[in-house]
Amino acid sequence: MHEYSLVSSLMDEVERQVQVHHATAVHAIHVRLGELAGVDPALFRTAFEMIQPDTLCAQAELTLISEPAVWHCPHCRKPIQAGSALRCPECQVPARLDGGRDLVLDRLEMEVSDV
């Protein structure tokens, strides 16, 4: 289950942000999950729940934001409709994937102490 290693890396980044901002708790984690990122959302959530209790994120809510795959013609920038051939109907150029392949830590909601 590679989702476990992805969540582990996510938690490393959350920990870095906690240290940078001198946070005392993390209340919410928002992650954008691309349709073509190769990540199963249910397994990702399960891995998060396994790691979560031993961290400052013990009470944090995980929000997964689904991001659809977006294809465009690299020549004329015309969007390519989902489910159609991945080739521009006007230019006949192969489409380029412009979004929906990434897993991104989008936002953290933290409690920050007055330092």
PDB file of N, CA and C in Angstrom:
ATOM      1  N   MET A   1       0.861  -1.180   0.000  1.00  0.00           N
ATOM      2  CA  MET A   1       0.000   0.000   0.000  1.00  0.00           C
ATOM      3  C   MET A   1       0.902   1.236   0.000  1.00  0.00           C
ATOM      4  N   HIS A   2       1.126   1.817  -1.177  1.00  0.00           N
ATOM      5  CA  HIS A   2       2.004   2.985  -1.256  1.00  0.00           C
ATOM      6  C   HIS A   2       1.361   4.221  -0.649  1.00  0.00           C
ATOM      7  N   GLU A   3       0.058   4.182  -0.396  1.00  0.00           N
ATOM      8  CA  GLU A   3      -0.620   5.305   0.249  1.00  0.00           C
ATOM      9  C   GLU A   3      -0.022   5.576   1.631  1.00  0.00           C
ATOM     10  N   TYR A   4       0.421   4.519   2.319  1.00  0.00           N
ATOM     11  CA  TYR A   4       1.029   4.692   3.636  1.00  0.00           C
ATOM     12  C   TYR A   4       2.284   5.561   3.534  1.00  0.00           C
ATOM     13  N   SER A   5       3.132   5.288   2.542  1.00  0.00           N
ATOM     14  CA  SER A   5       4.356   6.095   2.395  1.00  0.00           C
ATOM     15  C   SER A   5       4.015   7.524   1.977  1.00  0.00           C
ATOM     16  N   LEU A   6       2.963   7.698   1.184  1.00  0.00           N
ATOM     17  CA  LEU A   6       2.538   9.053   0.805  1.00  0.00           C
ATOM     18  C   LEU A   6       2.052   9.827   2.023  1.00  0.00           C
ATOM     19  N   VAL A   7       1.260   9.183   2.859  1.00  0.00           N
ATOM     20  CA  VAL A   7       0.780   9.846   4.078  1.00  0.00           C
ATOM     21  C   VAL A   7       1.950  10.130   5.015  1.00  0.00           C
ATOM     22  N   SER A   8       2.889   9.220   5.098  1.00  0.00           N
ATOM     23  CA  SER A   8       4.067   9.444   5.931  1.00  0.00           C
ATOM     24  C   SER A   8       4.832  10.682   5.467  1.00  0.00           C
ATOM     25  N   SER A   9       4.997  10.830   4.168  1.00  0.00           N
ATOM     26  CA  SER A   9       5.660  12.018   3.613  1.00  0.00           C
ATOM     27  C   SER A   9       4.832  13.277   3.875  1.00  0.00           C
ATOM     28  N   LEU A  10       3.521  13.151   3.740  1.00  0.00           N
ATOM     29  CA  LEU A  10       2.628  14.278   4.033  1.00  0.00           C
ATOM     30  C   LEU A  10       2.803  14.716   5.482  1.00  0.00           C
ATOM     31  N   MET A  11       2.842  13.748   6.402  1.00  0.00           N
ATOM     32  CA  MET A  11       2.980  14.074   7.821  1.00  0.00           C
ATOM     33  C   MET A  11       4.343  14.710   8.108  1.00  0.00           C
ATOM     34  N   ASP A  12       5.381  14.307   7.374  1.00  0.00           N
ATOM     35  CA  ASP A  12       6.691  14.955   7.520  1.00  0.00           C
ATOM     36  C   ASP A  12       6.592  16.433   7.152  1.00  0.00           C
ATOM     37  N   GLU A  13       5.876  16.725   6.064  1.00  0.00           N
ATOM     38  CA  GLU A  13       5.710  18.121   5.648  1.00  0.00           C
ATOM     39  C   GLU A  13       4.859  18.891   6.652  1.00  0.00           C
ATOM     40  N   VAL A  14       3.812  18.271   7.159  1.00  0.00           N
ATOM     41  CA  VAL A  14       2.978  18.922   8.180  1.00  0.00           C
ATOM     42  C   VAL A  14       3.842  19.245   9.400  1.00  0.00           C
ATOM     43  N   GLU A  15       4.672  18.301   9.804  1.00  0.00           N
ATOM     44  CA  GLU A  15       5.556  18.525  10.957  1.00  0.00           C
ATOM     45  C   GLU A  15       6.501  19.693  10.701  1.00  0.00           C
ATOM     46  N   ARG A  16       7.038  19.800   9.484  1.00  0.00           N
ATOM     47  CA  ARG A  16       7.909  20.935   9.142  1.00  0.00           C
ATOM     48  C   ARG A  16       7.148  22.250   9.280  1.00  0.00           C
ATOM     49  N   GLN A  17       5.914  22.265   8.784  1.00  0.00           N
ATOM     50  CA  GLN A  17       5.100  23.486   8.869  1.00  0.00           C
ATOM     51  C   GLN A  17       4.747  23.816  10.320  1.00  0.00           C
ATOM     52  N   VAL A  18       4.493  22.808  11.118  1.00  0.00           N
ATOM     53  CA  VAL A  18       4.211  23.007  12.548  1.00  0.00           C
ATOM     54  C   VAL A  18       5.409  23.689  13.204  1.00  0.00           C
ATOM     55  N   GLN A  19       6.618  23.215  12.907  1.00  0.00           N
ATOM     56  CA  GLN A  19       7.825  23.804  13.498  1.00  0.00           C
ATOM     57  C   GLN A  19       8.047  25.228  13.013  1.00  0.00           C
ATOM     58  N   VAL A  20       7.882  25.460  11.720  1.00  0.00           N
ATOM     59  CA  VAL A  20       8.096  26.792  11.159  1.00  0.00           C
ATOM     60  C   VAL A  20       7.155  27.815  11.793  1.00  0.00           C
ATOM     61  N   HIS A  21       5.909  27.414  12.009  1.00  0.00           N
ATOM     62  CA  HIS A  21       4.890  28.351  12.509  1.00  0.00           C
ATOM     63  C   HIS A  21       4.662  28.238  14.019  1.00  0.00           C
ATOM     64  N   HIS A  22       5.467  27.422  14.683  1.00  0.00           N
ATOM     65  CA  HIS A  22       5.354  27.231  16.138  1.00  0.00           C
ATOM     66  C   HIS A  22       3.936  26.848  16.530  1.00  0.00           C
ATOM     67  N   ALA A  23       3.347  25.934  15.785  1.00  0.00           N
ATOM     68  CA  ALA A  23       1.966  25.503  16.050  1.00  0.00           C
ATOM     69  C   ALA A  23       1.936  24.550  17.235  1.00  0.00           C
ATOM     70  N   THR A  24       0.820  24.586  17.949  1.00  0.00           N
ATOM     71  CA  THR A  24       0.631  23.683  19.084  1.00  0.00           C
ATOM     72  C   THR A  24      -0.346  22.560  18.747  1.00  0.00           C
ATOM     73  N   ALA A  25      -1.075  22.716  17.660  1.00  0.00           N
ATOM     74  CA  ALA A  25      -2.018  21.681  17.222  1.00  0.00           C
ATOM     75  C   ALA A  25      -2.362  21.901  15.758  1.00  0.00           C
ATOM     76  N   VAL A  26      -2.758  20.823  15.114  1.00  0.00           N
ATOM     77  CA  VAL A  26      -3.246  20.889  13.735  1.00  0.00           C
ATOM     78  C   VAL A  26      -4.715  20.480  13.777  1.00  0.00           C
ATOM     79  N   HIS A  27      -5.578  21.357  13.252  1.00  0.00           N
ATOM     80  CA  HIS A  27      -7.018  21.097  13.297  1.00  0.00           C
ATOM     81  C   HIS A  27      -7.565  20.519  11.998  1.00  0.00           C
ATOM     82  N   ALA A  28      -6.949  20.852  10.868  1.00  0.00           N
ATOM     83  CA  ALA A  28      -7.451  20.351   9.586  1.00  0.00           C
ATOM     84  C   ALA A  28      -6.319  20.297   8.568  1.00  0.00           C
ATOM     85  N   ILE A  29      -6.393  19.276   7.723  1.00  0.00           N
ATOM     86  CA  ILE A  29      -5.450  19.098   6.623  1.00  0.00           C
ATOM     87  C   ILE A  29      -6.273  18.923   5.357  1.00  0.00           C
ATOM     88  N   HIS A  30      -6.008  19.772   4.376  1.00  0.00           N
ATOM     89  CA  HIS A  30      -6.719  19.710   3.097  1.00  0.00           C
ATOM     90  C   HIS A  30      -5.730  19.278   2.020  1.00  0.00           C
ATOM     91  N   VAL A  31      -6.060  18.203   1.329  1.00  0.00           N
ATOM     92  CA  VAL A  31      -5.178  17.634   0.309  1.00  0.00           C
ATOM     93  C   VAL A  31      -5.939  17.561  -1.014  1.00  0.00           C
ATOM     94  N   ARG A  32      -5.320  18.112  -2.072  1.00  0.00           N
ATOM     95  CA  ARG A  32      -5.876  17.963  -3.422  1.00  0.00           C
ATOM     96  C   ARG A  32      -5.322  16.672  -3.994  1.00  0.00           C
ATOM     97  N   LEU A  33      -6.227  15.838  -4.476  1.00  0.00           N
ATOM     98  CA  LEU A  33      -5.863  14.517  -4.981  1.00  0.00           C
ATOM     99  C   LEU A  33      -6.289  14.413  -6.443  1.00  0.00           C
ATOM    100  N   GLY A  34      -5.313  14.409  -7.326  1.00  0.00           N
ATOM    101  CA  GLY A  34      -5.581  14.332  -8.755  1.00  0.00           C
ATOM    102  C   GLY A  34      -6.151  12.992  -9.173  1.00  0.00           C
ATOM    103  N   GLU A  35      -7.050  13.042 -10.112  1.00  0.00           N
ATOM    104  CA  GLU A  35      -7.697  11.837 -10.645  1.00  0.00           C
ATOM    105  C   GLU A  35      -6.673  10.829 -11.163  1.00  0.00           C
ATOM    106  N   LEU A  36      -5.562  11.331 -11.712  1.00  0.00           N
ATOM    107  CA  LEU A  36      -4.537  10.457 -12.285  1.00  0.00           C
ATOM    108  C   LEU A  36      -3.287  10.368 -11.408  1.00  0.00           C
ATOM    109  N   ALA A  37      -3.433  10.665 -10.124  1.00  0.00           N
ATOM    110  CA  ALA A  37      -2.293  10.620  -9.208  1.00  0.00           C
ATOM    111  C   ALA A  37      -1.928   9.192  -8.814  1.00  0.00           C
ATOM    112  N   GLY A  38      -2.795   8.244  -9.114  1.00  0.00           N
ATOM    113  CA  GLY A  38      -2.518   6.858  -8.775  1.00  0.00           C
ATOM    114  C   GLY A  38      -2.679   6.566  -7.297  1.00  0.00           C
ATOM    115  N   VAL A  39      -3.573   7.316  -6.645  1.00  0.00           N
ATOM    116  CA  VAL A  39      -3.793   7.163  -5.211  1.00  0.00           C
ATOM    117  C   VAL A  39      -5.252   6.803  -4.969  1.00  0.00           C
ATOM    118  N   ASP A  40      -5.471   5.760  -4.189  1.00  0.00           N
ATOM    119  CA  ASP A  40      -6.828   5.371  -3.814  1.00  0.00           C
ATOM    120  C   ASP A  40      -7.237   6.204  -2.600  1.00  0.00           C
ATOM    121  N   PRO A  41      -8.268   7.060  -2.740  1.00  0.00           N
ATOM    122  CA  PRO A  41      -8.666   7.934  -1.631  1.00  0.00           C
ATOM    123  C   PRO A  41      -9.017   7.179  -0.348  1.00  0.00           C
ATOM    124  N   ALA A  42      -9.673   6.041  -0.457  1.00  0.00           N
ATOM    125  CA  ALA A  42     -10.057   5.278   0.735  1.00  0.00           C
ATOM    126  C   ALA A  42      -8.809   4.730   1.443  1.00  0.00           C
ATOM    127  N   LEU A  43      -7.843   4.229   0.673  1.00  0.00           N
ATOM    128  CA  LEU A  43      -6.607   3.730   1.271  1.00  0.00           C
ATOM    129  C   LEU A  43      -5.776   4.870   1.859  1.00  0.00           C
ATOM    130  N   PHE A  44      -5.806   6.016   1.202  1.00  0.00           N
ATOM    131  CA  PHE A  44      -5.089   7.188   1.708  1.00  0.00           C
ATOM    132  C   PHE A  44      -5.668   7.596   3.061  1.00  0.00           C
ATOM    133  N   ARG A  45      -6.986   7.642   3.149  1.00  0.00           N
ATOM    134  CA  ARG A  45      -7.663   8.005   4.401  1.00  0.00           C
ATOM    135  C   ARG A  45      -7.351   6.976   5.496  1.00  0.00           C
ATOM    136  N   THR A  46      -7.370   5.692   5.152  1.00  0.00           N
ATOM    137  CA  THR A  46      -7.059   4.638   6.118  1.00  0.00           C
ATOM    138  C   THR A  46      -5.624   4.783   6.627  1.00  0.00           C
ATOM    139  N   ALA A  47      -4.689   5.044   5.733  1.00  0.00           N
ATOM    140  CA  ALA A  47      -3.297   5.235   6.130  1.00  0.00           C
ATOM    141  C   ALA A  47      -3.172   6.455   7.044  1.00  0.00           C
ATOM    142  N   PHE A  48      -3.886   7.520   6.728  1.00  0.00           N
ATOM    143  CA  PHE A  48      -3.875   8.717   7.578  1.00  0.00           C
ATOM    144  C   PHE A  48      -4.372   8.378   8.979  1.00  0.00           C
ATOM    145  N   GLU A  49      -5.451   7.634   9.044  1.00  0.00           N
ATOM    146  CA  GLU A  49      -6.030   7.268  10.341  1.00  0.00           C
ATOM    147  C   GLU A  49      -5.090   6.362  11.145  1.00  0.00           C
ATOM    148  N   MET A  50      -4.251   5.594  10.469  1.00  0.00           N
ATOM    149  CA  MET A  50      -3.283   4.733  11.158  1.00  0.00           C
ATOM    150  C   MET A  50      -2.136   5.563  11.749  1.00  0.00           C
ATOM    151  N   ILE A  51      -1.692   6.574  11.027  1.00  0.00           N
ATOM    152  CA  ILE A  51      -0.554   7.392  11.447  1.00  0.00           C
ATOM    153  C   ILE A  51      -0.988   8.510  12.396  1.00  0.00           C
ATOM    154  N   GLN A  52      -2.149   9.044  12.204  1.00  0.00           N
ATOM    155  CA  GLN A  52      -2.651  10.233  12.890  1.00  0.00           C
ATOM    156  C   GLN A  52      -2.550  10.219  14.420  1.00  0.00           C
ATOM    157  N   PRO A  53      -2.887   9.143  15.131  1.00  0.00           N
ATOM    158  CA  PRO A  53      -2.937   9.208  16.600  1.00  0.00           C
ATOM    159  C   PRO A  53      -1.624   9.596  17.283  1.00  0.00           C
ATOM    160  N   ASP A  54      -0.495   9.312  16.691  1.00  0.00           N
ATOM    161  CA  ASP A  54       0.799   9.574  17.316  1.00  0.00           C
ATOM    162  C   ASP A  54       1.417  10.906  16.901  1.00  0.00           C
ATOM    163  N   THR A  55       0.602  11.842  16.432  1.00  0.00           N
ATOM    164  CA  THR A  55       1.125  13.110  15.918  1.00  0.00           C
ATOM    165  C   THR A  55       0.346  14.286  16.500  1.00  0.00           C
ATOM    166  N   LEU A  56       0.801  15.495  16.175  1.00  0.00           N
ATOM    167  CA  LEU A  56       0.039  16.698  16.539  1.00  0.00           C
ATOM    168  C   LEU A  56      -1.272  16.783  15.759  1.00  0.00           C
ATOM    169  N   CYS A  57      -1.450  15.888  14.815  1.00  0.00           N
ATOM    170  CA  CYS A  57      -2.663  15.843  13.996  1.00  0.00           C
ATOM    171  C   CYS A  57      -3.697  14.880  14.574  1.00  0.00           C
ATOM    172  N   ALA A  58      -3.517  14.477  15.816  1.00  0.00           N
ATOM    173  CA  ALA A  58      -4.384  13.457  16.415  1.00  0.00           C
ATOM    174  C   ALA A  58      -5.867  13.811  16.323  1.00  0.00           C
ATOM    175  N   GLN A  59      -6.189  15.092  16.382  1.00  0.00           N
ATOM    176  CA  GLN A  59      -7.588  15.526  16.311  1.00  0.00           C
ATOM    177  C   GLN A  59      -7.920  16.202  14.978  1.00  0.00           C
ATOM    178  N   ALA A  60      -6.994  16.183  14.045  1.00  0.00           N
ATOM    179  CA  ALA A  60      -7.188  16.896  12.774  1.00  0.00           C
ATOM    180  C   ALA A  60      -8.151  16.170  11.854  1.00  0.00           C
ATOM    181  N   GLU A  61      -8.895  16.956  11.128  1.00  0.00           N
ATOM    182  CA  GLU A  61      -9.809  16.427  10.113  1.00  0.00           C
ATOM    183  C   GLU A  61      -9.092  16.450   8.759  1.00  0.00           C
ATOM    184  N   LEU A  62      -9.145  15.328   8.053  1.00  0.00           N
ATOM    185  CA  LEU A  62      -8.547  15.234   6.720  1.00  0.00           C
ATOM    186  C   LEU A  62      -9.632  15.468   5.681  1.00  0.00           C
ATOM    187  N   THR A  63      -9.403  16.442   4.810  1.00  0.00           N
ATOM    188  CA  THR A  63     -10.305  16.704   3.701  1.00  0.00           C
ATOM    189  C   THR A  63      -9.578  16.409   2.402  1.00  0.00           C
ATOM    190  N   LEU A  64     -10.135  15.492   1.613  1.00  0.00           N
ATOM    191  CA  LEU A  64      -9.568  15.166   0.308  1.00  0.00           C
ATOM    192  C   LEU A  64     -10.394  15.866  -0.763  1.00  0.00           C
ATOM    193  N   ILE A  65      -9.732  16.667  -1.568  1.00  0.00           N
ATOM    194  CA  ILE A  65     -10.382  17.432  -2.628  1.00  0.00           C
ATOM    195  C   ILE A  65     -10.029  16.781  -3.954  1.00  0.00           C
ATOM    196  N   SER A  66     -11.020  16.234  -4.612  1.00  0.00           N
ATOM    197  CA  SER A  66     -10.797  15.547  -5.877  1.00  0.00           C
ATOM    198  C   SER A  66     -10.531  16.560  -6.985  1.00  0.00           C
ATOM    199  N   GLU A  67      -9.481  16.317  -7.748  1.00  0.00           N
ATOM    200  CA  GLU A  67      -9.113  17.198  -8.862  1.00  0.00           C
ATOM    201  C   GLU A  67      -9.167  16.396 -10.159  1.00  0.00           C
ATOM    202  N   PRO A  68     -10.070  16.755 -11.062  1.00  0.00           N
ATOM    203  CA  PRO A  68     -10.193  15.989 -12.300  1.00  0.00           C
ATOM    204  C   PRO A  68      -8.986  16.180 -13.224  1.00  0.00           C
ATOM    205  N   ALA A  69      -8.781  15.209 -14.087  1.00  0.00           N
ATOM    206  CA  ALA A  69      -7.735  15.324 -15.103  1.00  0.00           C
ATOM    207  C   ALA A  69      -8.181  16.358 -16.131  1.00  0.00           C
ATOM    208  N   VAL A  70      -7.243  17.219 -16.514  1.00  0.00           N
ATOM    209  CA  VAL A  70      -7.535  18.284 -17.481  1.00  0.00           C
ATOM    210  C   VAL A  70      -6.521  18.176 -18.613  1.00  0.00           C
ATOM    211  N   TRP A  71      -7.035  18.070 -19.828  1.00  0.00           N
ATOM    212  CA  TRP A  71      -6.199  17.952 -21.015  1.00  0.00           C
ATOM    213  C   TRP A  71      -6.426  19.154 -21.926  1.00  0.00           C
ATOM    214  N   HIS A  72      -5.349  19.646 -22.568  1.00  0.00           N
ATOM    215  CA  HIS A  72      -5.428  20.748 -23.525  1.00  0.00           C
ATOM    216  C   HIS A  72      -4.558  20.440 -24.734  1.00  0.00           C
ATOM    217  N   CYS A  73      -4.845  21.116 -25.810  1.00  0.00           N
ATOM    218  CA  CYS A  73      -3.973  21.062 -26.978  1.00  0.00           C
ATOM    219  C   CYS A  73      -2.772  21.955 -26.683  1.00  0.00           C
ATOM    220  N   PRO A  74      -1.545  21.442 -26.825  1.00  0.00           N
ATOM    221  CA  PRO A  74      -0.378  22.276 -26.546  1.00  0.00           C
ATOM    222  C   PRO A  74      -0.157  23.364 -27.603  1.00  0.00           C
ATOM    223  N   HIS A  75      -0.817  23.219 -28.725  1.00  0.00           N
ATOM    224  CA  HIS A  75      -0.651  24.200 -29.805  1.00  0.00           C
ATOM    225  C   HIS A  75      -1.658  25.338 -29.697  1.00  0.00           C
ATOM    226  N   CYS A  76      -2.956  25.008 -29.683  1.00  0.00           N
ATOM    227  CA  CYS A  76      -3.983  26.058 -29.679  1.00  0.00           C
ATOM    228  C   CYS A  76      -4.624  26.270 -28.303  1.00  0.00           C
ATOM    229  N   ARG A  77      -4.241  25.437 -27.314  1.00  0.00           N
ATOM    230  CA  ARG A  77      -4.729  25.512 -25.932  1.00  0.00           C
ATOM    231  C   ARG A  77      -6.207  25.175 -25.776  1.00  0.00           C
ATOM    232  N   LYS A  78      -6.816  24.621 -26.820  1.00  0.00           N
ATOM    233  CA  LYS A  78      -8.207  24.228 -26.732  1.00  0.00           C
ATOM    234  C   LYS A  78      -8.331  23.064 -25.744  1.00  0.00           C
ATOM    235  N   PRO A  79      -9.311  23.129 -24.813  1.00  0.00           N
ATOM    236  CA  PRO A  79      -9.492  22.005 -23.883  1.00  0.00           C
ATOM    237  C   PRO A  79      -9.996  20.775 -24.617  1.00  0.00           C
ATOM    238  N   ILE A  80      -9.554  19.615 -24.165  1.00  0.00           N
ATOM    239  CA  ILE A  80      -9.987  18.337 -24.722  1.00  0.00           C
ATOM    240  C   ILE A  80     -11.005  17.748 -23.755  1.00  0.00           C
ATOM    241  N   GLN A  81     -12.172  17.419 -24.254  1.00  0.00           N
ATOM    242  CA  GLN A  81     -13.248  16.897 -23.407  1.00  0.00           C
ATOM    243  C   GLN A  81     -12.878  15.547 -22.807  1.00  0.00           C
ATOM    244  N   ALA A  82     -13.271  15.360 -21.542  1.00  0.00           N
ATOM    245  CA  ALA A  82     -13.042  14.084 -20.870  1.00  0.00           C
ATOM    246  C   ALA A  82     -13.742  12.966 -21.643  1.00  0.00           C
ATOM    247  N   GLY A  83     -13.049  11.850 -21.805  1.00  0.00           N
ATOM    248  CA  GLY A  83     -13.617  10.695 -22.494  1.00  0.00           C
ATOM    249  C   GLY A  83     -13.419  10.702 -24.003  1.00  0.00           C
ATOM    250  N   SER A  84     -12.952  11.817 -24.552  1.00  0.00           N
ATOM    251  CA  SER A  84     -12.727  11.856 -26.000  1.00  0.00           C
ATOM    252  C   SER A  84     -11.287  11.450 -26.298  1.00  0.00           C
ATOM    253  N   ALA A  85     -10.975  11.322 -27.568  1.00  0.00           N
ATOM    254  CA  ALA A  85      -9.613  10.981 -27.971  1.00  0.00           C
ATOM    255  C   ALA A  85      -8.663  12.071 -27.485  1.00  0.00           C
ATOM    256  N   LEU A  86      -7.493  11.678 -27.048  1.00  0.00           N
ATOM    257  CA  LEU A  86      -6.533  12.641 -26.517  1.00  0.00           C
ATOM    258  C   LEU A  86      -5.710  13.258 -27.636  1.00  0.00           C
ATOM    259  N   ARG A  87      -6.421  13.883 -28.528  1.00  0.00           N
ATOM    260  CA  ARG A  87      -5.848  14.551 -29.694  1.00  0.00           C
ATOM    261  C   ARG A  87      -6.747  15.740 -30.016  1.00  0.00           C
ATOM    262  N   CYS A  88      -6.149  16.887 -30.319  1.00  0.00           N
ATOM    263  CA  CYS A  88      -6.930  18.080 -30.645  1.00  0.00           C
ATOM    264  C   CYS A  88      -7.726  17.826 -31.926  1.00  0.00           C
ATOM    265  N   PRO A  89      -9.044  18.047 -31.885  1.00  0.00           N
ATOM    266  CA  PRO A  89      -9.851  17.821 -33.081  1.00  0.00           C
ATOM    267  C   PRO A  89      -9.547  18.821 -34.204  1.00  0.00           C
ATOM    268  N   GLU A  90      -8.956  19.965 -33.867  1.00  0.00           N
ATOM    269  CA  GLU A  90      -8.641  20.973 -34.884  1.00  0.00           C
ATOM    270  C   GLU A  90      -7.205  20.862 -35.388  1.00  0.00           C
ATOM    271  N   CYS A  91      -6.254  20.745 -34.453  1.00  0.00           N
ATOM    272  CA  CYS A  91      -4.828  20.736 -34.824  1.00  0.00           C
ATOM    273  C   CYS A  91      -4.296  19.328 -35.093  1.00  0.00           C
ATOM    274  N   GLN A  92      -4.992  18.318 -34.600  1.00  0.00           N
ATOM    275  CA  GLN A  92      -4.552  16.925 -34.679  1.00  0.00           C
ATOM    276  C   GLN A  92      -3.239  16.680 -33.937  1.00  0.00           C
ATOM    277  N   VAL A  93      -2.992  17.501 -32.927  1.00  0.00           N
ATOM    278  CA  VAL A  93      -1.800  17.374 -32.088  1.00  0.00           C
ATOM    279  C   VAL A  93      -2.187  16.575 -30.840  1.00  0.00           C
ATOM    280  N   PRO A  94      -1.321  15.670 -30.365  1.00  0.00           N
ATOM    281  CA  PRO A  94      -1.633  14.944 -29.126  1.00  0.00           C
ATOM    282  C   PRO A  94      -1.856  15.915 -27.966  1.00  0.00           C
ATOM    283  N   ALA A  95      -2.831  15.594 -27.139  1.00  0.00           N
ATOM    284  CA  ALA A  95      -3.176  16.443 -25.999  1.00  0.00           C
ATOM    285  C   ALA A  95      -2.089  16.387 -24.928  1.00  0.00           C
ATOM    286  N   ARG A  96      -2.055  17.431 -24.101  1.00  0.00           N
ATOM    287  CA  ARG A  96      -1.115  17.505 -22.975  1.00  0.00           C
ATOM    288  C   ARG A  96      -1.928  17.538 -21.684  1.00  0.00           C
ATOM    289  N   LEU A  97      -1.490  16.748 -20.717  1.00  0.00           N
ATOM    290  CA  LEU A  97      -2.133  16.727 -19.410  1.00  0.00           C
ATOM    291  C   LEU A  97      -1.701  17.965 -18.638  1.00  0.00           C
ATOM    292  N   ASP A  98      -2.677  18.795 -18.238  1.00  0.00           N
ATOM    293  CA  ASP A  98      -2.379  20.042 -17.538  1.00  0.00           C
ATOM    294  C   ASP A  98      -2.806  20.038 -16.077  1.00  0.00           C
ATOM    295  N   GLY A  99      -3.453  19.009 -15.631  1.00  0.00           N
ATOM    296  CA  GLY A  99      -3.873  18.973 -14.232  1.00  0.00           C
ATOM    297  C   GLY A  99      -4.512  17.645 -13.896  1.00  0.00           C
ATOM    298  N   GLY A 100      -4.513  17.348 -12.608  1.00  0.00           N
ATOM    299  CA  GLY A 100      -5.153  16.122 -12.162  1.00  0.00           C
ATOM    300  C   GLY A 100      -4.214  14.951 -11.983  1.00  0.00           C
ATOM    301  N   ARG A 101      -2.906  15.232 -11.936  1.00  0.00           N
ATOM    302  CA  ARG A 101      -1.956  14.125 -11.751  1.00  0.00           C
ATOM    303  C   ARG A 101      -1.210  14.221 -10.420  1.00  0.00           C
ATOM    304  N   ASP A 102      -1.498  15.264  -9.647  1.00  0.00           N
ATOM    305  CA  ASP A 102      -0.703  15.527  -8.453  1.00  0.00           C
ATOM    306  C   ASP A 102      -1.452  15.250  -7.156  1.00  0.00           C
ATOM    307  N   LEU A 103      -0.679  15.080  -6.110  1.00  0.00           N
ATOM    308  CA  LEU A 103      -1.179  15.038  -4.750  1.00  0.00           C
ATOM    309  C   LEU A 103      -0.532  16.235  -4.062  1.00  0.00           C
ATOM    310  N   VAL A 104      -1.358  17.177  -3.580  1.00  0.00           N
ATOM    311  CA  VAL A 104      -0.839  18.444  -3.082  1.00  0.00           C
ATOM    312  C   VAL A 104      -1.401  18.747  -1.700  1.00  0.00           C
ATOM    313  N   LEU A 105      -0.511  19.092  -0.762  1.00  0.00           N
ATOM    314  CA  LEU A 105      -0.961  19.623   0.520  1.00  0.00           C
ATOM    315  C   LEU A 105      -1.471  21.021   0.224  1.00  0.00           C
ATOM    316  N   ASP A 106      -2.775  21.185   0.243  1.00  0.00           N
ATOM    317  CA  ASP A 106      -3.406  22.430  -0.180  1.00  0.00           C
ATOM    318  C   ASP A 106      -3.496  23.452   0.950  1.00  0.00           C
ATOM    319  N   ARG A 107      -3.839  22.983   2.159  1.00  0.00           N
ATOM    320  CA  ARG A 107      -4.033  23.931   3.255  1.00  0.00           C
ATOM    321  C   ARG A 107      -3.940  23.208   4.595  1.00  0.00           C
ATOM    322  N   LEU A 108      -3.364  23.908   5.571  1.00  0.00           N
ATOM    323  CA  LEU A 108      -3.321  23.434   6.951  1.00  0.00           C
ATOM    324  C   LEU A 108      -4.037  24.449   7.830  1.00  0.00           C
ATOM    325  N   GLU A 109      -4.817  23.961   8.761  1.00  0.00           N
ATOM    326  CA  GLU A 109      -5.418  24.822   9.777  1.00  0.00           C
ATOM    327  C   GLU A 109      -4.750  24.437  11.090  1.00  0.00           C
ATOM    328  N   MET A 110      -3.957  25.381  11.636  1.00  0.00           N
ATOM    329  CA  MET A 110      -3.159  25.102  12.823  1.00  0.00           C
ATOM    330  C   MET A 110      -3.471  26.100  13.927  1.00  0.00           C
ATOM    331  N   GLU A 111      -3.228  25.668  15.141  1.00  0.00           N
ATOM    332  CA  GLU A 111      -3.289  26.568  16.284  1.00  0.00           C
ATOM    333  C   GLU A 111      -1.867  27.023  16.537  1.00  0.00           C
ATOM    334  N   VAL A 112      -1.668  28.345  16.515  1.00  0.00           N
ATOM    335  CA  VAL A 112      -0.344  28.899  16.624  1.00  0.00           C
ATOM    336  C   VAL A 112      -0.236  29.670  17.934  1.00  0.00           C
ATOM    337  N   SER A 113       0.858  29.429  18.645  1.00  0.00           N
ATOM    338  CA  SER A 113       1.069  30.119  19.916  1.00  0.00           C
ATOM    339  C   SER A 113       1.584  31.531  19.675  1.00  0.00           C
ATOM    340  N   ASP A 114       1.397  32.387  20.656  1.00  0.00           N
ATOM    341  CA  ASP A 114       1.899  33.766  20.564  1.00  0.00           C
ATOM    342  C   ASP A 114       3.338  33.790  21.035  1.00  0.00           C
ATOM    343  N   VAL A 115       4.261  33.735  20.077  1.00  0.00           N
ATOM    344  CA  VAL A 115       5.696  33.695  20.418  1.00  0.00           C
ATOM    345  C   VAL A 115       6.269  35.066  20.317  1.00  0.00           C
TER     346      VAL A 115
END
